[in-house]
Amino acid sequence: MTASRTTVTQRPIITICTQAEQGDVPNSVRSLLLSMKHLQALLKKWSFGHATDNQVSDAYVQIGHDFNTTVRAFAYHSIDLSDIHSIPGELRVPLEQCLGEDPSPETLELYMPEVRRVLYKLLKGLQARRDQWKTAGSQVPYETH
């Protein structure tokens, strides 16, 4: 274990969304899924010393941003996601523990099951509302000028 612990930080990201972007469930979900995939790929690179703690932390921050965008998009269509609001915090715990160790495939093997469990919980939460968001996706609001 390294002498210093790495903390996964959540930096604020300020985004200005148009009305159309706020309710765009399919694109927000797509971005979130891509961010999740990117985090997993970075963790694998990290375990071999090919990615830094900061890169992994930045990927976590991006997931948080995409998660919040997704929650807002669902809320725009009155679709409740309160049962998965804890996901970013749940994901932070194994990431901080993992990054607190020296990078190695063994370290990743130790923490990746929990990372995957949390990401799977997020996927199941989104899938449970698939019919609702597919309907919402076909009704993306358009700006009027």
N, C-alpha and C. Protein backbone atom coordinates (compact mmCIF):
# COMPACT_ATOMS: atom_id res chain seq x y z
N MET A 1 0.85 -1.17 0.00
CA MET A 1 0.00 0.00 0.00
C MET A 1 0.89 1.23 0.00
N THR A 2 0.54 2.22 -0.76
CA THR A 2 1.34 3.43 -0.84
C THR A 2 1.19 4.23 0.44
N ALA A 3 2.17 5.10 0.69
CA ALA A 3 2.16 5.89 1.90
C ALA A 3 1.01 6.89 1.93
N SER A 4 0.68 7.44 0.79
CA SER A 4 -0.41 8.40 0.76
C SER A 4 -1.64 7.79 0.12
N ARG A 5 -2.78 8.19 0.61
CA ARG A 5 -4.04 7.69 0.05
C ARG A 5 -4.50 8.66 -1.02
N THR A 6 -4.98 8.11 -2.08
CA THR A 6 -5.54 8.94 -3.14
C THR A 6 -7.03 9.07 -2.90
N THR A 7 -7.51 10.28 -3.00
CA THR A 7 -8.93 10.53 -2.84
C THR A 7 -9.53 10.82 -4.19
N VAL A 8 -10.62 10.14 -4.49
CA VAL A 8 -11.34 10.40 -5.72
C VAL A 8 -12.15 11.66 -5.48
N THR A 9 -11.85 12.68 -6.26
CA THR A 9 -12.51 13.96 -6.04
C THR A 9 -13.68 14.14 -6.98
N GLN A 10 -14.63 14.87 -6.51
CA GLN A 10 -15.76 15.23 -7.36
C GLN A 10 -15.69 16.73 -7.56
N ARG A 11 -15.20 17.12 -8.73
CA ARG A 11 -15.08 18.53 -9.07
C ARG A 11 -16.37 18.98 -9.72
N PRO A 12 -16.81 20.19 -9.38
CA PRO A 12 -18.05 20.66 -10.01
C PRO A 12 -17.83 20.93 -11.49
N ILE A 13 -18.79 20.54 -12.27
CA ILE A 13 -18.78 20.82 -13.70
C ILE A 13 -20.03 21.64 -13.98
N ILE A 14 -19.81 22.82 -14.50
CA ILE A 14 -20.94 23.69 -14.80
C ILE A 14 -21.28 23.53 -16.26
N THR A 15 -22.51 23.19 -16.52
CA THR A 15 -22.96 22.96 -17.89
C THR A 15 -24.23 23.76 -18.13
N ILE A 16 -24.27 24.40 -19.26
CA ILE A 16 -25.49 25.10 -19.65
C ILE A 16 -26.18 24.22 -20.68
N CYS A 17 -27.39 23.82 -20.37
CA CYS A 17 -28.14 22.91 -21.24
C CYS A 17 -29.29 23.66 -21.88
N THR A 18 -29.53 23.34 -23.12
CA THR A 18 -30.73 23.85 -23.76
C THR A 18 -31.90 22.98 -23.30
N GLN A 19 -33.10 23.43 -23.55
CA GLN A 19 -34.27 22.64 -23.16
C GLN A 19 -34.23 21.28 -23.83
N ALA A 20 -33.81 21.22 -25.10
CA ALA A 20 -33.74 19.94 -25.81
C ALA A 20 -32.75 19.00 -25.15
N GLU A 21 -31.60 19.53 -24.72
CA GLU A 21 -30.60 18.68 -24.08
C GLU A 21 -31.08 18.18 -22.72
N GLN A 22 -31.80 19.01 -21.98
CA GLN A 22 -32.27 18.63 -20.66
C GLN A 22 -33.15 17.39 -20.70
N GLY A 23 -33.95 17.24 -21.72
CA GLY A 23 -34.86 16.11 -21.79
C GLY A 23 -34.40 15.00 -22.70
N ASP A 24 -33.15 15.03 -23.12
CA ASP A 24 -32.64 14.04 -24.07
C ASP A 24 -32.14 12.80 -23.33
N VAL A 25 -33.07 11.94 -22.96
CA VAL A 25 -32.74 10.74 -22.19
C VAL A 25 -31.81 9.81 -22.96
N PRO A 26 -32.09 9.46 -24.22
CA PRO A 26 -31.21 8.51 -24.92
C PRO A 26 -29.75 8.98 -24.99
N ASN A 27 -29.52 10.24 -25.29
CA ASN A 27 -28.14 10.72 -25.37
C ASN A 27 -27.48 10.80 -24.01
N SER A 28 -28.23 11.17 -22.99
CA SER A 28 -27.64 11.23 -21.65
C SER A 28 -27.30 9.83 -21.16
N VAL A 29 -28.15 8.86 -21.42
CA VAL A 29 -27.86 7.47 -21.04
C VAL A 29 -26.66 6.95 -21.82
N ARG A 30 -26.62 7.24 -23.10
CA ARG A 30 -25.49 6.81 -23.94
C ARG A 30 -24.17 7.37 -23.40
N SER A 31 -24.16 8.65 -23.06
CA SER A 31 -22.94 9.26 -22.52
C SER A 31 -22.54 8.61 -21.20
N LEU A 32 -23.52 8.33 -20.36
CA LEU A 32 -23.24 7.69 -19.07
C LEU A 32 -22.65 6.30 -19.28
N LEU A 33 -23.23 5.53 -20.18
CA LEU A 33 -22.71 4.18 -20.45
C LEU A 33 -21.29 4.23 -20.99
N LEU A 34 -21.02 5.18 -21.87
CA LEU A 34 -19.66 5.33 -22.41
C LEU A 34 -18.68 5.73 -21.31
N SER A 35 -19.09 6.58 -20.40
CA SER A 35 -18.24 6.98 -19.28
C SER A 35 -17.93 5.79 -18.37
N MET A 36 -18.94 4.95 -18.15
CA MET A 36 -18.74 3.76 -17.33
C MET A 36 -17.73 2.82 -17.98
N LYS A 37 -17.86 2.65 -19.28
CA LYS A 37 -16.94 1.79 -20.02
C LYS A 37 -15.52 2.36 -19.98
N HIS A 38 -15.41 3.68 -20.13
CA HIS A 38 -14.11 4.35 -20.09
C HIS A 38 -13.44 4.16 -18.73
N LEU A 39 -14.21 4.30 -17.65
CA LEU A 39 -13.66 4.10 -16.31
C LEU A 39 -13.08 2.70 -16.17
N GLN A 40 -13.83 1.70 -16.61
CA GLN A 40 -13.35 0.32 -16.49
C GLN A 40 -12.07 0.10 -17.30
N ALA A 41 -12.00 0.69 -18.49
CA ALA A 41 -10.80 0.57 -19.32
C ALA A 41 -9.62 1.27 -18.65
N LEU A 42 -9.86 2.44 -18.07
CA LEU A 42 -8.79 3.17 -17.39
C LEU A 42 -8.29 2.41 -16.17
N LEU A 43 -9.20 1.79 -15.44
CA LEU A 43 -8.77 1.00 -14.28
C LEU A 43 -7.85 -0.14 -14.71
N LYS A 44 -8.17 -0.76 -15.81
CA LYS A 44 -7.30 -1.84 -16.30
C LYS A 44 -5.92 -1.27 -16.67
N LYS A 45 -5.91 -0.13 -17.37
CA LYS A 45 -4.63 0.51 -17.71
C LYS A 45 -3.88 0.90 -16.45
N TRP A 46 -4.61 1.45 -15.47
CA TRP A 46 -4.00 1.85 -14.21
C TRP A 46 -3.30 0.66 -13.55
N SER A 47 -3.94 -0.49 -13.59
CA SER A 47 -3.39 -1.67 -12.92
C SER A 47 -2.05 -2.09 -13.51
N PHE A 48 -1.79 -1.69 -14.75
CA PHE A 48 -0.51 -2.00 -15.41
C PHE A 48 0.42 -0.79 -15.43
N GLY A 49 0.02 0.28 -14.76
CA GLY A 49 0.86 1.48 -14.71
C GLY A 49 0.77 2.36 -15.95
N HIS A 50 -0.28 2.15 -16.75
CA HIS A 50 -0.43 2.92 -17.99
C HIS A 50 -1.45 4.05 -17.88
N ALA A 51 -1.97 4.27 -16.69
CA ALA A 51 -2.88 5.39 -16.42
C ALA A 51 -2.62 5.85 -14.99
N THR A 52 -2.83 7.12 -14.76
CA THR A 52 -2.56 7.69 -13.43
C THR A 52 -3.82 7.67 -12.55
N ASP A 53 -3.58 7.88 -11.26
CA ASP A 53 -4.69 8.01 -10.32
C ASP A 53 -5.59 9.17 -10.74
N ASN A 54 -4.97 10.27 -11.19
CA ASN A 54 -5.76 11.43 -11.60
C ASN A 54 -6.63 11.13 -12.81
N GLN A 55 -6.14 10.33 -13.73
CA GLN A 55 -6.96 9.97 -14.89
C GLN A 55 -8.18 9.16 -14.46
N VAL A 56 -7.98 8.25 -13.53
CA VAL A 56 -9.09 7.45 -13.01
C VAL A 56 -10.07 8.37 -12.26
N SER A 57 -9.53 9.27 -11.46
CA SER A 57 -10.37 10.21 -10.73
C SER A 57 -11.17 11.09 -11.69
N ASP A 58 -10.53 11.54 -12.76
CA ASP A 58 -11.24 12.35 -13.76
C ASP A 58 -12.36 11.55 -14.43
N ALA A 59 -12.12 10.27 -14.66
CA ALA A 59 -13.16 9.41 -15.25
C ALA A 59 -14.34 9.27 -14.29
N TYR A 60 -14.05 9.18 -13.00
CA TYR A 60 -15.12 9.13 -11.99
C TYR A 60 -15.92 10.44 -12.00
N VAL A 61 -15.22 11.56 -12.08
CA VAL A 61 -15.89 12.86 -12.13
C VAL A 61 -16.80 12.93 -13.36
N GLN A 62 -16.32 12.40 -14.48
CA GLN A 62 -17.14 12.41 -15.70
C GLN A 62 -18.40 11.55 -15.52
N ILE A 63 -18.25 10.41 -14.85
CA ILE A 63 -19.43 9.58 -14.57
C ILE A 63 -20.42 10.38 -13.71
N GLY A 64 -19.91 11.08 -12.71
CA GLY A 64 -20.78 11.90 -11.87
C GLY A 64 -21.52 12.95 -12.67
N HIS A 65 -20.81 13.60 -13.56
CA HIS A 65 -21.43 14.61 -14.43
C HIS A 65 -22.50 13.97 -15.32
N ASP A 66 -22.14 12.86 -15.97
CA ASP A 66 -23.09 12.19 -16.86
C ASP A 66 -24.27 11.62 -16.09
N PHE A 67 -24.02 11.15 -14.88
CA PHE A 67 -25.09 10.64 -14.03
C PHE A 67 -26.08 11.77 -13.71
N ASN A 68 -25.55 12.92 -13.31
CA ASN A 68 -26.42 14.06 -12.99
C ASN A 68 -27.20 14.53 -14.21
N THR A 69 -26.56 14.54 -15.36
CA THR A 69 -27.26 14.91 -16.60
C THR A 69 -28.38 13.92 -16.89
N THR A 70 -28.11 12.64 -16.66
CA THR A 70 -29.12 11.60 -16.89
C THR A 70 -30.29 11.76 -15.92
N VAL A 71 -29.98 12.01 -14.66
CA VAL A 71 -31.04 12.21 -13.66
C VAL A 71 -31.92 13.40 -14.06
N ARG A 72 -31.28 14.50 -14.51
CA ARG A 72 -32.06 15.67 -14.94
C ARG A 72 -32.91 15.35 -16.17
N ALA A 73 -32.36 14.57 -17.10
CA ALA A 73 -33.12 14.22 -18.31
C ALA A 73 -34.34 13.38 -17.95
N PHE A 74 -34.15 12.41 -17.06
CA PHE A 74 -35.29 11.60 -16.61
C PHE A 74 -36.30 12.46 -15.87
N ALA A 75 -35.81 13.33 -15.00
CA ALA A 75 -36.71 14.19 -14.22
C ALA A 75 -37.51 15.12 -15.13
N TYR A 76 -36.92 15.55 -16.22
CA TYR A 76 -37.63 16.40 -17.18
C TYR A 76 -38.90 15.72 -17.66
N HIS A 77 -38.84 14.40 -17.77
CA HIS A 77 -39.99 13.60 -18.22
C HIS A 77 -40.74 12.96 -17.04
N SER A 78 -40.48 13.46 -15.84
CA SER A 78 -41.13 12.98 -14.61
C SER A 78 -40.88 11.50 -14.36
N ILE A 79 -39.67 11.04 -14.66
CA ILE A 79 -39.28 9.65 -14.39
C ILE A 79 -38.34 9.69 -13.18
N ASP A 80 -38.74 9.03 -12.11
CA ASP A 80 -38.01 9.06 -10.85
C ASP A 80 -36.84 8.08 -10.85
N LEU A 81 -35.67 8.57 -10.44
CA LEU A 81 -34.48 7.72 -10.31
C LEU A 81 -33.95 7.72 -8.88
N SER A 82 -34.78 8.08 -7.92
CA SER A 82 -34.30 8.23 -6.55
C SER A 82 -33.67 6.96 -5.98
N ASP A 83 -34.08 5.80 -6.47
CA ASP A 83 -33.52 4.55 -5.95
C ASP A 83 -32.07 4.34 -6.36
N ILE A 84 -31.57 5.09 -7.32
CA ILE A 84 -30.16 4.94 -7.72
C ILE A 84 -29.35 6.22 -7.49
N HIS A 85 -29.90 7.17 -6.75
CA HIS A 85 -29.17 8.41 -6.46
C HIS A 85 -27.88 8.16 -5.68
N SER A 86 -27.79 7.06 -4.98
CA SER A 86 -26.60 6.77 -4.17
C SER A 86 -25.43 6.21 -4.98
N ILE A 87 -25.65 5.93 -6.24
CA ILE A 87 -24.62 5.27 -7.06
C ILE A 87 -23.27 5.99 -7.06
N PRO A 88 -23.21 7.30 -7.31
CA PRO A 88 -21.88 7.94 -7.32
C PRO A 88 -21.12 7.75 -6.01
N GLY A 89 -21.80 7.87 -4.89
CA GLY A 89 -21.15 7.65 -3.60
C GLY A 89 -20.73 6.21 -3.41
N GLU A 90 -21.57 5.29 -3.84
CA GLU A 90 -21.24 3.86 -3.74
C GLU A 90 -20.02 3.52 -4.60
N LEU A 91 -19.91 4.15 -5.74
CA LEU A 91 -18.79 3.89 -6.64
C LEU A 91 -17.50 4.49 -6.10
N ARG A 92 -17.62 5.60 -5.43
CA ARG A 92 -16.44 6.29 -4.90
C ARG A 92 -15.66 5.41 -3.92
N VAL A 93 -16.36 4.66 -3.09
CA VAL A 93 -15.72 3.87 -2.04
C VAL A 93 -14.70 2.86 -2.60
N PRO A 94 -15.09 1.95 -3.49
CA PRO A 94 -14.09 1.00 -3.99
C PRO A 94 -13.01 1.67 -4.84
N LEU A 95 -13.35 2.77 -5.50
CA LEU A 95 -12.33 3.47 -6.29
C LEU A 95 -11.26 4.06 -5.38
N GLU A 96 -11.67 4.70 -4.29
CA GLU A 96 -10.69 5.25 -3.35
C GLU A 96 -9.85 4.15 -2.74
N GLN A 97 -10.48 3.04 -2.39
CA GLN A 97 -9.73 1.93 -1.82
C GLN A 97 -8.72 1.38 -2.82
N CYS A 98 -9.16 1.22 -4.05
CA CYS A 98 -8.29 0.69 -5.10
C CYS A 98 -7.11 1.63 -5.35
N LEU A 99 -7.41 2.92 -5.50
CA LEU A 99 -6.35 3.88 -5.79
C LEU A 99 -5.43 4.11 -4.60
N GLY A 100 -5.84 3.70 -3.42
CA GLY A 100 -5.00 3.79 -2.24
C GLY A 100 -3.94 2.70 -2.19
N GLU A 101 -4.04 1.75 -3.08
CA GLU A 101 -3.08 0.65 -3.18
C GLU A 101 -2.11 0.92 -4.33
N ASP A 102 -1.04 0.15 -4.36
CA ASP A 102 -0.13 0.22 -5.51
C ASP A 102 -0.82 -0.39 -6.72
N PRO A 103 -0.64 0.21 -7.90
CA PRO A 103 -1.26 -0.34 -9.11
C PRO A 103 -0.72 -1.74 -9.43
N SER A 104 -1.63 -2.67 -9.63
CA SER A 104 -1.26 -4.02 -10.05
C SER A 104 -2.53 -4.74 -10.48
N PRO A 105 -2.38 -5.76 -11.32
CA PRO A 105 -3.56 -6.56 -11.68
C PRO A 105 -4.23 -7.19 -10.45
N GLU A 106 -3.42 -7.55 -9.46
CA GLU A 106 -3.97 -8.16 -8.25
C GLU A 106 -4.84 -7.16 -7.47
N THR A 107 -4.37 -5.93 -7.40
CA THR A 107 -5.16 -4.89 -6.73
C THR A 107 -6.48 -4.68 -7.45
N LEU A 108 -6.40 -4.60 -8.76
CA LEU A 108 -7.63 -4.40 -9.54
C LEU A 108 -8.58 -5.58 -9.34
N GLU A 109 -8.03 -6.78 -9.33
CA GLU A 109 -8.85 -7.98 -9.13
C GLU A 109 -9.57 -7.95 -7.78
N LEU A 110 -8.94 -7.33 -6.81
CA LEU A 110 -9.52 -7.23 -5.48
C LEU A 110 -10.72 -6.27 -5.44
N TYR A 111 -10.62 -5.15 -6.15
CA TYR A 111 -11.64 -4.11 -6.06
C TYR A 111 -12.62 -4.06 -7.23
N MET A 112 -12.25 -4.64 -8.35
CA MET A 112 -13.11 -4.56 -9.53
C MET A 112 -14.48 -5.21 -9.33
N PRO A 113 -14.60 -6.31 -8.59
CA PRO A 113 -15.95 -6.87 -8.39
C PRO A 113 -16.93 -5.87 -7.77
N GLU A 114 -16.46 -5.07 -6.81
CA GLU A 114 -17.35 -4.08 -6.19
C GLU A 114 -17.66 -2.95 -7.16
N VAL A 115 -16.67 -2.52 -7.93
CA VAL A 115 -16.92 -1.49 -8.96
C VAL A 115 -17.98 -2.00 -9.93
N ARG A 116 -17.81 -3.23 -10.38
CA ARG A 116 -18.78 -3.81 -11.33
C ARG A 116 -20.17 -3.96 -10.71
N ARG A 117 -20.22 -4.33 -9.44
CA ARG A 117 -21.50 -4.48 -8.75
C ARG A 117 -22.26 -3.15 -8.75
N VAL A 118 -21.55 -2.08 -8.45
CA VAL A 118 -22.19 -0.76 -8.41
C VAL A 118 -22.64 -0.34 -9.81
N LEU A 119 -21.79 -0.56 -10.80
CA LEU A 119 -22.15 -0.20 -12.17
C LEU A 119 -23.32 -1.05 -12.66
N TYR A 120 -23.35 -2.31 -12.26
CA TYR A 120 -24.46 -3.19 -12.62
C TYR A 120 -25.77 -2.70 -12.00
N LYS A 121 -25.69 -2.27 -10.75
CA LYS A 121 -26.87 -1.72 -10.07
C LYS A 121 -27.40 -0.51 -10.84
N LEU A 122 -26.49 0.33 -11.33
CA LEU A 122 -26.90 1.49 -12.13
C LEU A 122 -27.56 1.04 -13.43
N LEU A 123 -26.95 0.08 -14.10
CA LEU A 123 -27.53 -0.44 -15.34
C LEU A 123 -28.93 -1.00 -15.11
N LYS A 124 -29.09 -1.79 -14.06
CA LYS A 124 -30.41 -2.37 -13.77
C LYS A 124 -31.43 -1.28 -13.47
N GLY A 125 -31.01 -0.24 -12.77
CA GLY A 125 -31.92 0.87 -12.49
C GLY A 125 -32.38 1.56 -13.75
N LEU A 126 -31.46 1.72 -14.70
CA LEU A 126 -31.82 2.34 -15.98
C LEU A 126 -32.68 1.40 -16.81
N GLN A 127 -32.32 0.12 -16.82
CA GLN A 127 -33.09 -0.86 -17.59
C GLN A 127 -34.52 -0.98 -17.08
N ALA A 128 -34.70 -0.84 -15.78
CA ALA A 128 -36.04 -0.95 -15.19
C ALA A 128 -36.98 0.13 -15.73
N ARG A 129 -36.38 1.18 -16.25
CA ARG A 129 -37.19 2.29 -16.79
C ARG A 129 -37.08 2.40 -18.30
N ARG A 130 -36.59 1.35 -18.92
CA ARG A 130 -36.35 1.37 -20.36
C ARG A 130 -37.57 1.80 -21.16
N ASP A 131 -38.72 1.20 -20.88
CA ASP A 131 -39.92 1.56 -21.64
C ASP A 131 -40.26 3.04 -21.46
N GLN A 132 -40.12 3.51 -20.23
CA GLN A 132 -40.42 4.93 -19.97
C GLN A 132 -39.47 5.84 -20.73
N TRP A 133 -38.16 5.51 -20.69
CA TRP A 133 -37.22 6.42 -21.35
C TRP A 133 -37.19 6.27 -22.85
N LYS A 134 -37.57 5.11 -23.35
CA LYS A 134 -37.69 4.98 -24.81
C LYS A 134 -38.83 5.87 -25.30
N THR A 135 -39.92 5.89 -24.55
CA THR A 135 -41.03 6.76 -24.89
C THR A 135 -40.60 8.23 -24.78
N ALA A 136 -39.90 8.54 -23.71
CA ALA A 136 -39.43 9.92 -23.51
C ALA A 136 -38.46 10.32 -24.61
N GLY A 137 -37.64 9.39 -25.05
CA GLY A 137 -36.66 9.69 -26.09
C GLY A 137 -37.29 10.06 -27.41
N SER A 138 -38.46 9.54 -27.64
CA SER A 138 -39.14 9.89 -28.89
C SER A 138 -39.87 11.22 -28.77
N GLN A 139 -39.84 11.77 -27.56
CA GLN A 139 -40.52 13.05 -27.31
C GLN A 139 -39.54 14.10 -26.82
N VAL A 140 -38.32 14.12 -27.39
CA VAL A 140 -37.33 15.11 -26.98
C VAL A 140 -37.88 16.49 -27.28
N PRO A 141 -37.88 17.36 -26.29
CA PRO A 141 -38.41 18.70 -26.52
C PRO A 141 -37.50 19.49 -27.45
N TYR A 142 -38.09 20.36 -28.19
CA TYR A 142 -37.33 21.20 -29.11
C TYR A 142 -37.46 22.64 -28.67
N GLU A 143 -36.38 23.38 -28.83
CA GLU A 143 -36.41 24.79 -28.48
C GLU A 143 -37.27 25.55 -29.47
N THR A 144 -37.94 26.52 -28.95
CA THR A 144 -38.67 27.43 -29.82
C THR A 144 -38.01 28.79 -29.71
N HIS A 145 -37.87 29.42 -30.82
CA HIS A 145 -37.20 30.73 -30.81
C HIS A 145 -38.19 31.82 -31.03
